[in-house]
Amino acid sequence: MKWISGVAGTLLLAAVLVSVLRTLVVPRGLYSSLVIRWWRTLRLLLRLAAPGGSYQAHDRAQTWLAPLMLVGMLATWLGGALLGFGLLLHAVSTLTWTNAVREAGSSLFTLGFASGDRLHLSAVDFLAAATGPIVIALQIAYLPTLYAAYNRRELEVTLLQSRAWGPEILARQWLVDTETALPELYRSWERLASDIGESHSTYPILLTFRSPRPYRSWIVGLVAVMDTAALQLSLAPSSVPPEARLVLRAGFTALRDIARSLRFGFDTDPAPDAPILLTLPEFEAAVAMTEVAGFPAERTAKQAWPHFHGWWVNYEAIAYELCRRCDAVPALWTGSRDFAVGPVGPQRPMDRRPGDDGGSGDEEGAGGERGEGRPGGEGRPEQRPPSAQ
């Protein structure tokens, strides 16, 4: 039976090595079964642990997902290495199973309180002694990379305050006369989409890192900006900036890269008229809201619908799946969630004027500002989107 222990130990150590390399070292989006298994298991346990079932409760519980996954991955690698070296020592010596694991642990964690007195045992001990610090060092070096990508992502998400909904973003620019800022918004999110596509497909654990505030989400923010660009392209094709097409292309390319790294299926070349979950009445309500805000549409909602549909079909399925897996804030036009919470509409900041005694806007509002009116009380009155009233 010694040879079975030796083969099993060798295969287990090889599996640990491959998992570490795929997850921490290889610079491309390779599928990591360890990350996915920990994600599924911990996400389910944390969802069961959320008291009350509200979105805020789920958000608080899922905040622990990323740190628990990091600890779980390290524990799995070290535990696998301990078991693998224990099996190997048991196979090449007369040590009992208990003493073999004890010696493997002594070497793996560089404690040195137990060692074999024969050359071939010392060789295994030396290999184990190198494995422990290397795995721990790689994990430590992994964290700055993760947090650097996280900080780049959250900077743009905070600027956007991604509880904002695509039609709401478009409407606000005309409400407060900042429509000339849209090209820069599209450029910023084009770069961010490319960054997210590279970093989140290479390191899928980044998908579990939640924003610091409950009503912010990178995936909801990206979908909102893409929806804004798609709306502008379909409603006002002659005046839309070229950056709108670029951010859409970068956005759904990034989402597809992430989907490939997670191995869930999607249509790589959907027909422009392929079925989607968004309905024409929902689209018409959104268009009506933007027109009330002053957006100069060149097409009616029905005329624009086929064009919007042709853009939307490229990313709807992937965006909805990622929003579900990431337990993102259930914003409008982002699909269903695994918890029973209805869609959360944007809350536009209150138009506050000098001398007003009215209440203030929601602190986490869609744009994060308090009172978007211009100096001197020239701001336009608040127009709430029909589906959020």
Protein backbone atom coordinates (compact mmCIF):
# COMPACT_ATOMS: atom_id res chain seq x y z
CA MET A 1 0.00 0.00 0.00
CA LYS A 2 3.03 2.28 0.25
CA TRP A 3 3.02 2.99 -3.48
CA ILE A 4 -0.63 4.14 -3.30
CA SER A 5 0.33 6.71 -0.65
CA GLY A 6 3.23 7.86 -2.81
CA VAL A 7 1.10 8.26 -5.95
CA ALA A 8 -1.70 9.98 -4.04
CA GLY A 9 0.74 12.36 -2.35
CA THR A 10 2.45 13.22 -5.64
CA LEU A 11 -0.86 13.88 -7.40
CA LEU A 12 -2.12 16.00 -4.52
CA LEU A 13 1.05 18.11 -4.48
CA ALA A 14 0.82 18.54 -8.26
CA ALA A 15 -2.81 19.68 -7.92
CA VAL A 16 -1.81 22.22 -5.26
CA LEU A 17 1.04 23.52 -7.42
CA VAL A 18 -1.18 23.88 -10.50
CA SER A 19 -3.90 25.63 -8.48
CA VAL A 20 -1.40 28.13 -7.02
CA LEU A 21 0.10 28.84 -10.43
CA ARG A 22 -3.28 29.23 -12.15
CA THR A 23 -4.66 31.49 -9.42
CA LEU A 24 -1.67 33.63 -8.44
CA VAL A 25 1.00 33.48 -11.13
CA VAL A 26 -0.21 32.90 -14.71
CA PRO A 27 -1.16 36.34 -16.15
CA ARG A 28 -4.30 35.36 -18.04
CA GLY A 29 -7.90 34.44 -17.31
CA LEU A 30 -7.58 30.74 -16.50
CA TYR A 31 -10.45 28.96 -14.80
CA SER A 32 -9.79 28.31 -11.11
CA SER A 33 -12.02 25.58 -9.73
CA LEU A 34 -10.81 26.36 -6.20
CA VAL A 35 -11.98 29.98 -6.44
CA ILE A 36 -15.34 28.98 -7.91
CA ARG A 37 -15.99 26.28 -5.30
CA TRP A 38 -15.16 28.57 -2.40
CA TRP A 39 -17.28 31.31 -3.99
CA ARG A 40 -20.34 29.08 -4.32
CA THR A 41 -20.03 27.57 -0.87
CA LEU A 42 -19.36 30.74 1.11
CA ARG A 43 -21.87 32.80 -0.87
CA LEU A 44 -24.60 30.30 -0.03
CA LEU A 45 -23.66 30.17 3.65
CA LEU A 46 -23.52 33.95 3.94
CA ARG A 47 -26.85 34.33 2.17
CA LEU A 48 -28.42 31.93 4.69
CA ALA A 49 -26.84 33.92 7.50
CA ALA A 50 -28.37 37.25 6.36
CA PRO A 51 -31.05 38.14 8.95
CA GLY A 52 -34.31 39.69 7.77
CA GLY A 53 -33.72 39.08 4.07
CA SER A 54 -33.39 42.77 3.16
CA TYR A 55 -30.81 43.95 0.65
CA GLN A 56 -28.86 45.74 3.39
CA ALA A 57 -28.67 42.50 5.39
CA HIS A 58 -27.44 40.58 2.36
CA ASP A 59 -24.90 43.28 1.58
CA ARG A 60 -23.51 43.20 5.13
CA ALA A 61 -23.25 39.42 5.05
CA GLN A 62 -21.63 39.25 1.59
CA THR A 63 -19.01 41.82 2.66
CA TRP A 64 -17.25 38.90 4.35
CA LEU A 65 -17.13 36.82 1.18
CA ALA A 66 -13.82 38.13 -0.22
CA PRO A 67 -11.76 37.92 3.02
CA LEU A 68 -13.13 34.47 3.82
CA MET A 69 -12.26 33.29 0.31
CA LEU A 70 -8.69 34.56 0.64
CA VAL A 71 -8.25 32.77 3.96
CA GLY A 72 -9.97 29.65 2.62
CA MET A 73 -7.74 29.51 -0.48
CA LEU A 74 -4.58 29.77 1.63
CA ALA A 75 -5.85 27.15 4.07
CA THR A 76 -6.74 24.80 1.20
CA TRP A 77 -3.30 25.09 -0.40
CA LEU A 78 -1.41 24.64 2.85
CA GLY A 79 -3.71 21.83 3.97
CA GLY A 80 -3.30 20.09 0.62
CA ALA A 81 0.49 20.46 0.78
CA LEU A 82 0.53 19.11 4.35
CA LEU A 83 -1.50 16.08 3.37
CA GLY A 84 0.51 15.54 0.18
CA PHE A 85 3.90 15.65 1.92
CA GLY A 86 2.53 13.48 4.74
CA LEU A 87 1.50 10.83 2.21
CA LEU A 88 4.86 11.09 0.46
CA LEU A 89 6.83 10.69 3.70
CA HIS A 90 4.66 7.77 4.70
CA ALA A 91 5.36 6.12 1.34
CA VAL A 92 9.16 6.45 1.40
CA SER A 93 9.77 5.60 5.06
CA THR A 94 8.70 3.37 7.91
CA LEU A 95 7.04 6.31 9.67
CA THR A 96 3.50 5.80 10.86
CA TRP A 97 0.83 7.97 9.28
CA THR A 98 0.71 10.21 12.39
CA ASN A 99 4.47 10.72 12.50
CA ALA A 100 4.61 11.33 8.75
CA VAL A 101 2.05 14.15 8.94
CA ARG A 102 3.86 15.52 12.04
CA GLU A 103 7.16 15.63 10.18
CA ALA A 104 5.51 17.15 7.10
CA GLY A 105 3.97 19.90 9.23
CA SER A 106 7.26 20.56 10.97
CA SER A 107 8.97 21.11 7.63
CA LEU A 108 6.11 22.86 5.79
CA PHE A 109 5.78 25.54 8.45
CA THR A 110 9.58 25.65 9.04
CA LEU A 111 9.24 24.73 12.71
CA GLY A 112 11.99 22.11 12.59
CA PHE A 113 10.98 20.11 15.63
CA ALA A 114 10.79 16.85 13.66
CA SER A 115 12.96 15.52 10.82
CA GLY A 116 14.05 12.25 9.32
CA ASP A 117 17.61 10.96 9.72
CA ARG A 118 17.86 9.55 6.21
CA LEU A 119 18.80 11.43 3.04
CA HIS A 120 15.62 10.74 1.06
CA LEU A 121 13.50 11.91 4.02
CA SER A 122 15.59 15.06 4.33
CA ALA A 123 15.01 15.77 0.62
CA VAL A 124 11.23 15.63 1.15
CA ASP A 125 11.59 17.79 4.27
CA PHE A 126 13.59 20.41 2.34
CA LEU A 127 10.96 20.47 -0.41
CA ALA A 128 8.18 20.88 2.13
CA ALA A 129 10.13 23.62 3.93
CA ALA A 130 10.38 25.56 0.65
CA THR A 131 6.72 25.06 -0.26
CA GLY A 132 5.15 26.65 2.82
CA PRO A 133 6.95 30.04 2.66
CA ILE A 134 6.58 30.21 -1.14
CA VAL A 135 2.82 29.71 -1.02
CA ILE A 136 2.43 32.23 1.81
CA ALA A 137 4.71 34.75 0.05
CA LEU A 138 2.76 34.42 -3.19
CA GLN A 139 -0.49 35.01 -1.33
CA ILE A 140 0.97 38.08 0.38
CA ALA A 141 2.22 39.43 -2.95
CA TYR A 142 -1.22 38.71 -4.43
CA LEU A 143 -3.01 41.10 -2.07
CA PRO A 144 -1.44 44.40 -3.31
CA THR A 145 -2.36 43.45 -6.88
CA LEU A 146 -5.95 42.79 -5.85
CA TYR A 147 -6.32 45.98 -3.86
CA ALA A 148 -4.68 48.13 -6.54
CA ALA A 149 -7.25 46.87 -9.09
CA TYR A 150 -10.01 47.31 -6.50
CA ASN A 151 -9.01 50.92 -5.80
CA ARG A 152 -8.91 51.80 -9.51
CA ARG A 153 -12.35 50.33 -9.95
CA GLU A 154 -13.93 51.96 -6.92
CA LEU A 155 -12.63 55.43 -7.79
CA GLU A 156 -14.77 55.57 -10.93
CA VAL A 157 -17.68 53.83 -9.22
CA THR A 158 -17.65 56.43 -6.45
CA LEU A 159 -17.54 59.27 -8.98
CA LEU A 160 -20.53 57.78 -10.76
CA GLN A 161 -22.39 56.63 -7.62
CA SER A 162 -23.60 53.62 -9.56
CA ARG A 163 -27.03 53.45 -8.04
CA ALA A 164 -27.67 55.73 -11.00
CA TRP A 165 -29.62 54.09 -13.79
CA GLY A 166 -28.70 54.52 -17.46
CA PRO A 167 -31.71 56.67 -18.44
CA GLU A 168 -31.29 58.64 -15.21
CA ILE A 169 -27.64 59.43 -16.01
CA LEU A 170 -28.69 60.69 -19.44
CA ALA A 171 -31.57 62.75 -18.05
CA ARG A 172 -29.44 64.43 -15.38
CA GLN A 173 -26.95 65.77 -17.88
CA TRP A 174 -29.72 67.78 -19.55
CA LEU A 175 -31.40 68.73 -16.29
CA VAL A 176 -28.30 70.54 -15.08
CA ASP A 177 -26.74 71.47 -18.45
CA THR A 178 -23.72 69.16 -18.13
CA GLU A 179 -24.29 67.15 -21.31
CA THR A 180 -20.84 68.16 -22.59
CA ALA A 181 -19.35 66.01 -19.79
CA LEU A 182 -20.70 62.79 -21.35
CA PRO A 183 -17.73 62.19 -23.71
CA GLU A 184 -15.32 62.30 -20.77
CA LEU A 185 -17.58 59.95 -18.79
CA TYR A 186 -17.54 57.50 -21.69
CA ARG A 187 -13.75 57.76 -22.05
CA SER A 188 -13.20 57.10 -18.34
CA TRP A 189 -15.46 54.07 -18.34
CA GLU A 190 -13.97 52.75 -21.58
CA ARG A 191 -10.58 52.62 -19.86
CA LEU A 192 -12.12 51.21 -16.68
CA ALA A 193 -14.02 48.53 -18.63
CA SER A 194 -10.78 47.40 -20.26
CA ASP A 195 -9.06 47.39 -16.86
CA ILE A 196 -11.90 45.39 -15.28
CA GLY A 197 -11.95 42.93 -18.15
CA GLU A 198 -8.25 42.21 -17.70
CA SER A 199 -8.03 42.22 -13.90
CA HIS A 200 -11.32 40.49 -13.05
CA SER A 201 -10.84 37.71 -15.58
CA THR A 202 -7.25 37.14 -14.42
CA TYR A 203 -8.18 37.31 -10.73
CA PRO A 204 -11.86 36.26 -10.44
CA ILE A 205 -11.81 36.76 -6.68
CA LEU A 206 -12.05 40.50 -7.41
CA LEU A 207 -15.67 39.87 -8.37
CA THR A 208 -16.40 39.14 -4.70
CA PHE A 209 -14.92 42.44 -3.44
CA ARG A 210 -17.89 44.70 -2.69
CA SER A 211 -17.95 48.50 -2.78
CA PRO A 212 -17.55 50.34 0.54
CA ARG A 213 -21.17 51.54 0.44
CA PRO A 214 -24.15 49.18 -0.01
CA TYR A 215 -25.74 50.98 -2.98
CA ARG A 216 -22.63 51.07 -5.12
CA SER A 217 -21.58 48.29 -7.46
CA TRP A 218 -19.04 48.13 -10.26
CA ILE A 219 -21.22 45.87 -12.44
CA VAL A 220 -24.33 48.02 -11.98
CA GLY A 221 -22.25 51.12 -12.72
CA LEU A 222 -20.79 49.63 -15.89
CA VAL A 223 -24.23 48.52 -17.11
CA ALA A 224 -25.64 51.99 -16.35
CA VAL A 225 -22.95 53.74 -18.42
CA MET A 226 -23.41 51.25 -21.27
CA ASP A 227 -27.17 51.81 -21.15
CA THR A 228 -26.60 55.56 -21.28
CA ALA A 229 -24.46 55.21 -24.39
CA ALA A 230 -26.94 52.81 -26.02
CA LEU A 231 -29.83 55.17 -25.33
CA GLN A 232 -27.99 58.15 -26.78
CA LEU A 233 -26.97 56.19 -29.88
CA SER A 234 -30.50 54.98 -30.49
CA LEU A 235 -32.35 58.22 -29.72
CA ALA A 236 -30.00 60.89 -31.11
CA PRO A 237 -27.62 59.27 -33.63
CA SER A 238 -26.51 62.49 -35.32
CA SER A 239 -25.37 64.24 -32.12
CA VAL A 240 -23.96 61.31 -30.11
CA PRO A 241 -20.21 61.52 -29.39
CA PRO A 242 -18.02 58.76 -30.88
CA GLU A 243 -16.97 57.75 -27.35
CA ALA A 244 -20.42 56.19 -26.86
CA ARG A 245 -19.68 53.43 -29.36
CA LEU A 246 -16.25 52.88 -27.86
CA VAL A 247 -17.49 52.46 -24.29
CA LEU A 248 -20.16 49.99 -25.44
CA ARG A 249 -17.61 47.92 -27.30
CA ALA A 250 -15.15 47.98 -24.39
CA GLY A 251 -17.94 47.17 -21.94
CA PHE A 252 -19.36 44.08 -23.55
CA THR A 253 -15.87 42.86 -24.48
CA ALA A 254 -14.88 43.08 -20.80
CA LEU A 255 -18.04 41.27 -19.70
CA ARG A 256 -17.38 38.49 -22.19
CA ASP A 257 -13.80 38.09 -20.98
CA ILE A 258 -15.06 37.67 -17.42
CA ALA A 259 -17.76 35.22 -18.56
CA ARG A 260 -15.13 33.10 -20.32
CA SER A 261 -12.97 33.01 -17.19
CA LEU A 262 -15.99 31.84 -15.17
CA ARG A 263 -17.02 29.36 -17.86
CA PHE A 264 -20.65 30.30 -18.25
CA GLY A 265 -22.11 30.31 -21.71
CA PHE A 266 -23.23 33.25 -23.83
CA ASP A 267 -23.94 34.00 -27.47
CA THR A 268 -20.77 35.44 -29.02
CA ASP A 269 -22.62 36.88 -32.02
CA PRO A 270 -26.28 37.48 -31.13
CA ALA A 271 -28.69 38.62 -33.82
CA PRO A 272 -29.83 42.25 -33.40
CA ASP A 273 -33.42 41.07 -32.99
CA ALA A 274 -32.69 38.15 -30.65
CA PRO A 275 -35.07 37.96 -27.64
CA ILE A 276 -34.23 40.07 -24.58
CA LEU A 277 -35.85 40.40 -21.15
CA LEU A 278 -36.22 44.19 -21.25
CA THR A 279 -39.63 45.15 -22.64
CA LEU A 280 -40.74 47.92 -24.97
CA PRO A 281 -43.04 49.53 -22.33
CA GLU A 282 -40.08 49.77 -19.91
CA PHE A 283 -38.01 51.38 -22.64
CA GLU A 284 -40.80 53.81 -23.55
CA ALA A 285 -41.16 54.88 -19.91
CA ALA A 286 -37.42 55.55 -19.71
CA VAL A 287 -37.44 57.56 -22.95
CA ALA A 288 -40.39 59.63 -21.72
CA MET A 289 -38.44 60.46 -18.55
CA THR A 290 -35.40 61.64 -20.52
CA GLU A 291 -37.58 63.79 -22.78
CA VAL A 292 -39.17 65.46 -19.75
CA ALA A 293 -35.64 66.25 -18.55
CA GLY A 294 -34.92 68.03 -21.84
CA PHE A 295 -33.02 65.41 -23.82
CA PRO A 296 -33.31 66.30 -27.55
CA ALA A 297 -34.42 62.96 -29.03
CA GLU A 298 -34.33 62.63 -32.81
CA ARG A 299 -36.39 59.44 -32.83
CA THR A 300 -39.50 58.33 -31.04
CA ALA A 301 -39.26 55.48 -28.54
CA LYS A 302 -40.69 52.99 -31.05
CA GLN A 303 -38.30 54.13 -33.77
CA ALA A 304 -35.32 53.92 -31.38
CA TRP A 305 -36.30 50.55 -29.88
CA PRO A 306 -34.80 48.30 -32.63
CA HIS A 307 -31.51 50.21 -32.44
CA PHE A 308 -31.38 50.05 -28.63
CA HIS A 309 -32.37 46.38 -28.79
CA GLY A 310 -29.43 45.72 -31.14
CA TRP A 311 -26.96 47.17 -28.62
CA TRP A 312 -28.61 45.73 -25.51
CA VAL A 313 -28.64 42.15 -26.82
CA ASN A 314 -24.82 42.13 -26.81
CA TYR A 315 -24.54 42.35 -23.03
CA GLU A 316 -27.89 41.76 -21.31
CA ALA A 317 -27.47 38.05 -20.53
CA ILE A 318 -23.90 38.36 -19.21
CA ALA A 319 -24.66 41.51 -17.21
CA TYR A 320 -27.70 39.93 -15.57
CA GLU A 321 -25.75 36.79 -14.67
CA LEU A 322 -22.86 38.75 -13.16
CA CYS A 323 -25.25 40.99 -11.21
CA ARG A 324 -26.88 37.84 -9.81
CA ARG A 325 -23.61 36.11 -8.93
CA CYS A 326 -22.15 39.25 -7.36
CA ASP A 327 -25.37 39.94 -5.37
CA ALA A 328 -25.21 43.51 -6.66
CA VAL A 329 -27.68 46.19 -5.61
CA PRO A 330 -30.95 45.29 -7.41
CA ALA A 331 -31.02 48.38 -9.61
CA LEU A 332 -33.38 48.86 -12.52
CA TRP A 333 -32.56 47.00 -15.74
CA THR A 334 -30.09 44.63 -14.05
CA GLY A 335 -32.12 41.43 -13.79
CA SER A 336 -33.19 39.34 -10.81
CA ARG A 337 -31.27 38.33 -7.69
CA ASP A 338 -31.09 35.21 -5.54
CA PHE A 339 -32.77 37.07 -2.68
CA ALA A 340 -36.35 38.35 -2.65
CA VAL A 341 -35.85 42.11 -2.95
CA GLY A 342 -37.54 44.29 -5.55
CA PRO A 343 -35.70 46.71 -7.87
CA VAL A 344 -34.20 49.79 -6.24
CA GLY A 345 -34.78 52.91 -8.36
CA PRO A 346 -32.47 55.92 -8.40
CA GLN A 347 -33.19 58.70 -5.92
CA ARG A 348 -32.45 62.02 -7.51
CA PRO A 349 -30.98 64.63 -5.14
CA MET A 350 -33.47 67.26 -3.99
CA ASP A 351 -33.39 70.61 -5.80
CA ARG A 352 -32.56 72.84 -2.81
CA ARG A 353 -32.82 76.62 -3.20
CA PRO A 354 -31.89 79.45 -0.82
CA GLY A 355 -34.60 79.83 1.81
CA ASP A 356 -36.13 76.37 1.23
CA ASP A 357 -37.02 74.40 4.35
CA GLY A 358 -37.67 71.08 2.51
CA GLY A 359 -35.91 67.84 3.35
CA SER A 360 -32.59 66.91 1.87
CA GLY A 361 -31.99 64.28 -0.76
CA ASP A 362 -30.94 60.76 -0.02
CA GLU A 363 -27.30 60.63 1.05
CA GLU A 364 -26.56 57.73 -1.24
CA GLY A 365 -28.51 59.16 -4.17
CA ALA A 366 -27.83 58.17 -7.71
CA GLY A 367 -25.30 60.90 -8.28
CA GLY A 368 -24.17 61.55 -4.75
CA GLU A 369 -24.69 65.30 -4.96
CA ARG A 370 -26.98 67.26 -2.69
CA GLY A 371 -28.93 69.73 -4.78
CA GLU A 372 -27.82 69.86 -8.37
CA GLY A 373 -29.38 73.28 -8.95
CA ARG A 374 -27.15 76.05 -10.21
CA PRO A 375 -26.13 79.00 -7.98
CA GLY A 376 -28.88 81.50 -7.31
CA GLY A 377 -31.67 78.94 -7.26
CA GLU A 378 -31.74 78.41 -11.02
CA GLY A 379 -31.83 74.63 -10.81
CA ARG A 380 -34.69 72.85 -12.51
CA PRO A 381 -37.37 71.12 -10.42
CA GLU A 382 -36.87 67.48 -9.54
CA GLN A 383 -38.18 65.00 -12.12
CA ARG A 384 -38.36 61.46 -10.76
CA PRO A 385 -38.21 58.59 -13.26
CA PRO A 386 -41.65 57.02 -13.80
CA SER A 387 -40.54 53.53 -12.74
CA ALA A 388 -38.97 54.79 -9.50
CA GLN A 389 -41.95 56.74 -8.19
